[in-house]
Amino acid sequence: MVPFEKQVVTVVRQGNIGTDVSYEPPLRIGFGISDKTVDSPNATMGRTILVPGAGPNPTHYHAKNDVVWYILYGKVKLWYARSDASERKEVILEGGDFAYVPSGAIHVIANASETEEASLIFCYIGVPNTDAAETVWLTEDGTQPLEKKPELV
C-alpha cells in the first residue's frame, strides 16, 4: 500500500497532455499518466489516435511490461507474434474491444480504415515511463533487433 501521506489522487485534464508524434509514428499519442504527470506511478497510460489510412507503427516489443488497450472507436489492425517472430497473427480490433499484450510479444498497429479515424486507450503496466518499458525495436518482419527506433516517412 502507498504510505498514507502519499495517497493523493492526481487528475490530468485532456487539455494538459499534448500530442506526441515522435514516440511511435504515425500514431498521435497523448501520455496522460507517467512520471511526468504523477509522483511515482506504477503505470504509463494514454490515448492513441490513428488518422485515416495511418500505416503501421514501428515493429517492436516491450521487455519490461505488459500492455493493455481499450479500443474507443474505429477499427485497428493488429498483427502480433511471439518474441522470435513465430506464430504471427492478425486481427481487427473494433470499438469496445480490449486487448492484452504480454511482455515480449511483438506487436504493430495500423488504422484498418482509409476514411475513418480510430482511437484507443493504452496502459503500460508496472513502468513509470516509456524508457522503463525497454522497448526493443525490430525489423519490419520482426526477425532482427535494431540498434535504434526506425525513422518512418
C-alpha atoms as a PDB file:
ATOM      1  CA  MET A   1       0.000   0.000   0.000  1.00  0.00           C
ATOM      2  CA  VAL A   2       1.159   3.543  -0.730  1.00  0.00           C
ATOM      3  CA  PRO A   3       2.080   5.369   2.506  1.00  0.00           C
ATOM      4  CA  PHE A   4      -0.784   7.445   3.916  1.00  0.00           C
ATOM      5  CA  GLU A   5       0.884  10.799   3.274  1.00  0.00           C
ATOM      6  CA  LYS A   6       1.358   9.895  -0.426  1.00  0.00           C
ATOM      7  CA  GLN A   7      -2.227   8.751  -1.025  1.00  0.00           C
ATOM      8  CA  VAL A   8      -3.015  11.726  -3.242  1.00  0.00           C
ATOM      9  CA  VAL A   9      -5.232  11.421  -6.303  1.00  0.00           C
ATOM     10  CA  THR A  10      -3.984  13.229  -9.412  1.00  0.00           C
ATOM     11  CA  VAL A  11      -6.313  14.346 -12.205  1.00  0.00           C
ATOM     12  CA  VAL A  12      -4.735  15.098 -15.576  1.00  0.00           C
ATOM     13  CA  ARG A  13      -7.039  17.029 -17.901  1.00  0.00           C
ATOM     14  CA  GLN A  14      -7.043  16.222 -21.613  1.00  0.00           C
ATOM     15  CA  GLY A  15      -6.076  19.774 -22.490  1.00  0.00           C
ATOM     16  CA  ASN A  16      -2.861  19.422 -20.465  1.00  0.00           C
ATOM     17  CA  ILE A  17      -1.349  16.348 -22.122  1.00  0.00           C
ATOM     18  CA  GLY A  18      -0.484  17.497 -25.651  1.00  0.00           C
ATOM     19  CA  THR A  19       0.212  15.188 -28.569  1.00  0.00           C
ATOM     20  CA  ASP A  20       3.419  13.208 -29.096  1.00  0.00           C
ATOM     21  CA  VAL A  21       4.031  12.336 -32.749  1.00  0.00           C
ATOM     22  CA  SER A  22       7.609  11.114 -32.317  1.00  0.00           C
ATOM     23  CA  TYR A  23       7.292   8.085 -29.986  1.00  0.00           C
ATOM     24  CA  GLU A  24       5.650   5.652 -32.437  1.00  0.00           C
ATOM     25  CA  PRO A  25       4.876   7.480 -35.689  1.00  0.00           C
ATOM     26  CA  PRO A  26       2.448   7.713 -37.395  1.00  0.00           C
ATOM     27  CA  LEU A  27       0.491   7.359 -34.139  1.00  0.00           C
ATOM     28  CA  ARG A  28      -0.610  10.509 -32.304  1.00  0.00           C
ATOM     29  CA  ILE A  29      -0.158   9.786 -28.610  1.00  0.00           C
ATOM     30  CA  GLY A  30      -1.258  11.704 -25.544  1.00  0.00           C
ATOM     31  CA  PHE A  31       0.516  10.451 -22.413  1.00  0.00           C
ATOM     32  CA  GLY A  32      -1.824  11.180 -19.509  1.00  0.00           C
ATOM     33  CA  ILE A  33      -0.253   9.111 -16.725  1.00  0.00           C
ATOM     34  CA  SER A  34       3.518   8.836 -16.409  1.00  0.00           C
ATOM     35  CA  ASP A  35       6.239  10.062 -14.094  1.00  0.00           C
ATOM     36  CA  LYS A  36       5.914  13.445 -15.825  1.00  0.00           C
ATOM     37  CA  THR A  37       2.349  13.925 -14.536  1.00  0.00           C
ATOM     38  CA  VAL A  38       2.134  11.765 -11.391  1.00  0.00           C
ATOM     39  CA  ASP A  39       4.535  11.248  -8.486  1.00  0.00           C
ATOM     40  CA  SER A  40       5.996   7.686  -8.744  1.00  0.00           C
ATOM     41  CA  PRO A  41       3.297   5.974 -10.836  1.00  0.00           C
ATOM     42  CA  ASN A  42       3.353   2.213 -11.359  1.00  0.00           C
ATOM     43  CA  ALA A  43       1.907   2.541 -14.880  1.00  0.00           C
ATOM     44  CA  THR A  44       2.073   4.684 -18.003  1.00  0.00           C
ATOM     45  CA  MET A  45      -1.259   5.429 -19.630  1.00  0.00           C
ATOM     46  CA  GLY A  46      -2.517   7.466 -22.538  1.00  0.00           C
ATOM     47  CA  ARG A  47      -4.595   7.614 -25.663  1.00  0.00           C
ATOM     48  CA  THR A  48      -3.630   6.995 -29.247  1.00  0.00           C
ATOM     49  CA  ILE A  49      -5.292   8.436 -32.329  1.00  0.00           C
ATOM     50  CA  LEU A  50      -4.804   6.752 -35.699  1.00  0.00           C
ATOM     51  CA  VAL A  51      -5.712   9.092 -38.544  1.00  0.00           C
ATOM     52  CA  PRO A  52      -7.500   7.593 -41.566  1.00  0.00           C
ATOM     53  CA  GLY A  53      -5.092   5.421 -43.527  1.00  0.00           C
ATOM     54  CA  ALA A  54      -2.399   5.559 -40.823  1.00  0.00           C
ATOM     55  CA  GLY A  55       0.137   2.891 -41.622  1.00  0.00           C
ATOM     56  CA  PRO A  56       1.790   0.705 -39.015  1.00  0.00           C
ATOM     57  CA  ASN A  57       3.905   1.979 -36.159  1.00  0.00           C
ATOM     58  CA  PRO A  58       7.447   0.549 -35.894  1.00  0.00           C
ATOM     59  CA  THR A  59       7.626  -3.192 -35.175  1.00  0.00           C
ATOM     60  CA  HIS A  60       8.557  -3.748 -31.514  1.00  0.00           C
ATOM     61  CA  TYR A  61       8.015  -5.414 -28.170  1.00  0.00           C
ATOM     62  CA  HIS A  62       8.385  -4.246 -24.589  1.00  0.00           C
ATOM     63  CA  ALA A  63      10.908  -6.154 -22.479  1.00  0.00           C
ATOM     64  CA  LYS A  64       9.734  -4.941 -19.050  1.00  0.00           C
ATOM     65  CA  ASN A  65       5.957  -4.547 -19.174  1.00  0.00           C
ATOM     66  CA  ASP A  66       2.658  -5.887 -20.396  1.00  0.00           C
ATOM     67  CA  VAL A  67       0.393  -3.558 -22.391  1.00  0.00           C
ATOM     68  CA  VAL A  68      -3.397  -3.339 -22.325  1.00  0.00           C
ATOM     69  CA  TRP A  69      -5.623  -1.498 -24.794  1.00  0.00           C
ATOM     70  CA  TYR A  70      -9.245  -0.462 -24.914  1.00  0.00           C
ATOM     71  CA  ILE A  71     -10.460   0.493 -28.382  1.00  0.00           C
ATOM     72  CA  LEU A  72     -12.573   3.636 -28.102  1.00  0.00           C
ATOM     73  CA  TYR A  73     -13.782   3.784 -31.701  1.00  0.00           C
ATOM     74  CA  GLY A  74     -12.869   2.821 -35.236  1.00  0.00           C
ATOM     75  CA  LYS A  75     -11.083  -0.283 -36.452  1.00  0.00           C
ATOM     76  CA  VAL A  76      -7.474  -1.033 -35.564  1.00  0.00           C
ATOM     77  CA  LYS A  77      -5.473  -3.677 -37.417  1.00  0.00           C
ATOM     78  CA  LEU A  78      -3.158  -5.523 -35.021  1.00  0.00           C
ATOM     79  CA  TRP A  79      -0.523  -8.016 -36.016  1.00  0.00           C
ATOM     80  CA  TYR A  80       1.320  -9.847 -33.274  1.00  0.00           C
ATOM     81  CA  ALA A  81       3.756 -12.696 -32.770  1.00  0.00           C
ATOM     82  CA  ARG A  82       5.969 -14.299 -30.151  1.00  0.00           C
ATOM     83  CA  SER A  83       9.315 -12.588 -29.476  1.00  0.00           C
ATOM     84  CA  ASP A  84      11.029 -14.908 -32.002  1.00  0.00           C
ATOM     85  CA  ALA A  85       8.540 -13.713 -34.695  1.00  0.00           C
ATOM     86  CA  SER A  86       6.821 -17.111 -34.770  1.00  0.00           C
ATOM     87  CA  GLU A  87       3.071 -17.695 -34.762  1.00  0.00           C
ATOM     88  CA  ARG A  88       2.287 -14.379 -36.425  1.00  0.00           C
ATOM     89  CA  LYS A  89      -1.407 -13.496 -36.396  1.00  0.00           C
ATOM     90  CA  GLU A  90      -3.538 -10.571 -37.456  1.00  0.00           C
ATOM     91  CA  VAL A  91      -6.832  -9.348 -36.037  1.00  0.00           C
ATOM     92  CA  ILE A  92      -9.087  -6.324 -36.493  1.00  0.00           C
ATOM     93  CA  LEU A  93      -9.974  -4.679 -33.176  1.00  0.00           C
ATOM     94  CA  GLU A  94     -13.160  -2.606 -33.001  1.00  0.00           C
ATOM     95  CA  GLY A  95     -14.615  -0.023 -30.649  1.00  0.00           C
ATOM     96  CA  GLY A  96     -15.369  -1.665 -27.288  1.00  0.00           C
ATOM     97  CA  ASP A  97     -12.701  -4.389 -27.636  1.00  0.00           C
ATOM     98  CA  PHE A  98      -9.989  -4.919 -25.033  1.00  0.00           C
ATOM     99  CA  ALA A  99      -6.560  -6.362 -25.882  1.00  0.00           C
ATOM    100  CA  TYR A 100      -3.776  -7.689 -23.643  1.00  0.00           C
ATOM    101  CA  VAL A 101      -0.195  -7.842 -24.993  1.00  0.00           C
ATOM    102  CA  PRO A 102       2.232  -9.704 -22.712  1.00  0.00           C
ATOM    103  CA  SER A 103       5.822  -8.573 -22.259  1.00  0.00           C
ATOM    104  CA  GLY A 104       7.940  -9.843 -25.154  1.00  0.00           C
ATOM    105  CA  ALA A 105       5.087 -10.232 -27.653  1.00  0.00           C
ATOM    106  CA  ILE A 106       5.836  -8.417 -30.901  1.00  0.00           C
ATOM    107  CA  HIS A 107       3.058  -6.063 -31.920  1.00  0.00           C
ATOM    108  CA  VAL A 108       2.223  -3.486 -34.574  1.00  0.00           C
ATOM    109  CA  ILE A 109      -0.962  -1.492 -35.109  1.00  0.00           C
ATOM    110  CA  ALA A 110      -2.412   0.448 -38.030  1.00  0.00           C
ATOM    111  CA  ASN A 111      -5.728   2.062 -38.849  1.00  0.00           C
ATOM    112  CA  ALA A 112      -7.820  -0.537 -40.700  1.00  0.00           C
ATOM    113  CA  SER A 113      -9.765   2.236 -42.461  1.00  0.00           C
ATOM    114  CA  GLU A 114      -8.689   4.676 -45.152  1.00  0.00           C
ATOM    115  CA  THR A 115     -11.592   7.028 -44.318  1.00  0.00           C
ATOM    116  CA  GLU A 116     -12.358   6.781 -40.571  1.00  0.00           C
ATOM    117  CA  GLU A 117     -10.219   7.783 -37.584  1.00  0.00           C
ATOM    118  CA  ALA A 118      -9.596   5.203 -34.823  1.00  0.00           C
ATOM    119  CA  SER A 119      -8.589   5.678 -31.190  1.00  0.00           C
ATOM    120  CA  LEU A 120      -7.512   3.555 -28.251  1.00  0.00           C
ATOM    121  CA  ILE A 121      -6.542   3.902 -24.602  1.00  0.00           C
ATOM    122  CA  PHE A 122      -3.337   2.106 -23.591  1.00  0.00           C
ATOM    123  CA  CYS A 123      -1.631   1.261 -20.319  1.00  0.00           C
ATOM    124  CA  TYR A 124       1.953   0.071 -19.833  1.00  0.00           C
ATOM    125  CA  ILE A 125       1.667  -1.911 -16.623  1.00  0.00           C
ATOM    126  CA  GLY A 126       4.363  -1.581 -13.947  1.00  0.00           C
ATOM    127  CA  VAL A 127       6.551   1.105 -15.555  1.00  0.00           C
ATOM    128  CA  PRO A 128       6.536   4.861 -14.861  1.00  0.00           C
ATOM    129  CA  ASN A 129       7.504   5.946 -18.409  1.00  0.00           C
ATOM    130  CA  THR A 130       8.270   4.628 -21.877  1.00  0.00           C
ATOM    131  CA  ASP A 131      12.024   4.414 -21.252  1.00  0.00           C
ATOM    132  CA  ALA A 132      11.416   1.964 -18.406  1.00  0.00           C
ATOM    133  CA  ALA A 133       9.481  -0.290 -20.817  1.00  0.00           C
ATOM    134  CA  GLU A 134      12.796  -1.132 -22.520  1.00  0.00           C
ATOM    135  CA  THR A 135      11.172  -1.249 -25.945  1.00  0.00           C
ATOM    136  CA  VAL A 136      13.029  -3.417 -28.431  1.00  0.00           C
ATOM    137  CA  TRP A 137      12.693  -2.081 -31.998  1.00  0.00           C
ATOM    138  CA  LEU A 138      12.734  -4.708 -34.730  1.00  0.00           C
ATOM    139  CA  THR A 139      12.958  -5.067 -38.477  1.00  0.00           C
ATOM    140  CA  GLU A 140       9.554  -4.838 -40.141  1.00  0.00           C
ATOM    141  CA  ASP A 141       9.206  -8.642 -40.232  1.00  0.00           C
ATOM    142  CA  GLY A 142      10.112  -8.863 -36.526  1.00  0.00           C
ATOM    143  CA  THR A 143      13.093 -11.164 -37.008  1.00  0.00           C
ATOM    144  CA  GLN A 144      16.020  -8.863 -36.133  1.00  0.00           C
ATOM    145  CA  PRO A 145      16.565  -6.240 -33.425  1.00  0.00           C
ATOM    146  CA  LEU A 146      17.553  -2.743 -34.498  1.00  0.00           C
ATOM    147  CA  GLU A 147      20.083  -0.519 -32.749  1.00  0.00           C
ATOM    148  CA  LYS A 148      17.579   2.341 -32.593  1.00  0.00           C
ATOM    149  CA  LYS A 149      13.974   3.095 -33.384  1.00  0.00           C
ATOM    150  CA  PRO A 150      13.436   3.217 -37.155  1.00  0.00           C
ATOM    151  CA  GLU A 151      12.541   6.539 -38.762  1.00  0.00           C
ATOM    152  CA  LEU A 152       9.235   6.373 -40.589  1.00  0.00           C
ATOM    153  CA  VAL A 153       8.397   8.556 -43.540  1.00  0.00           C
END
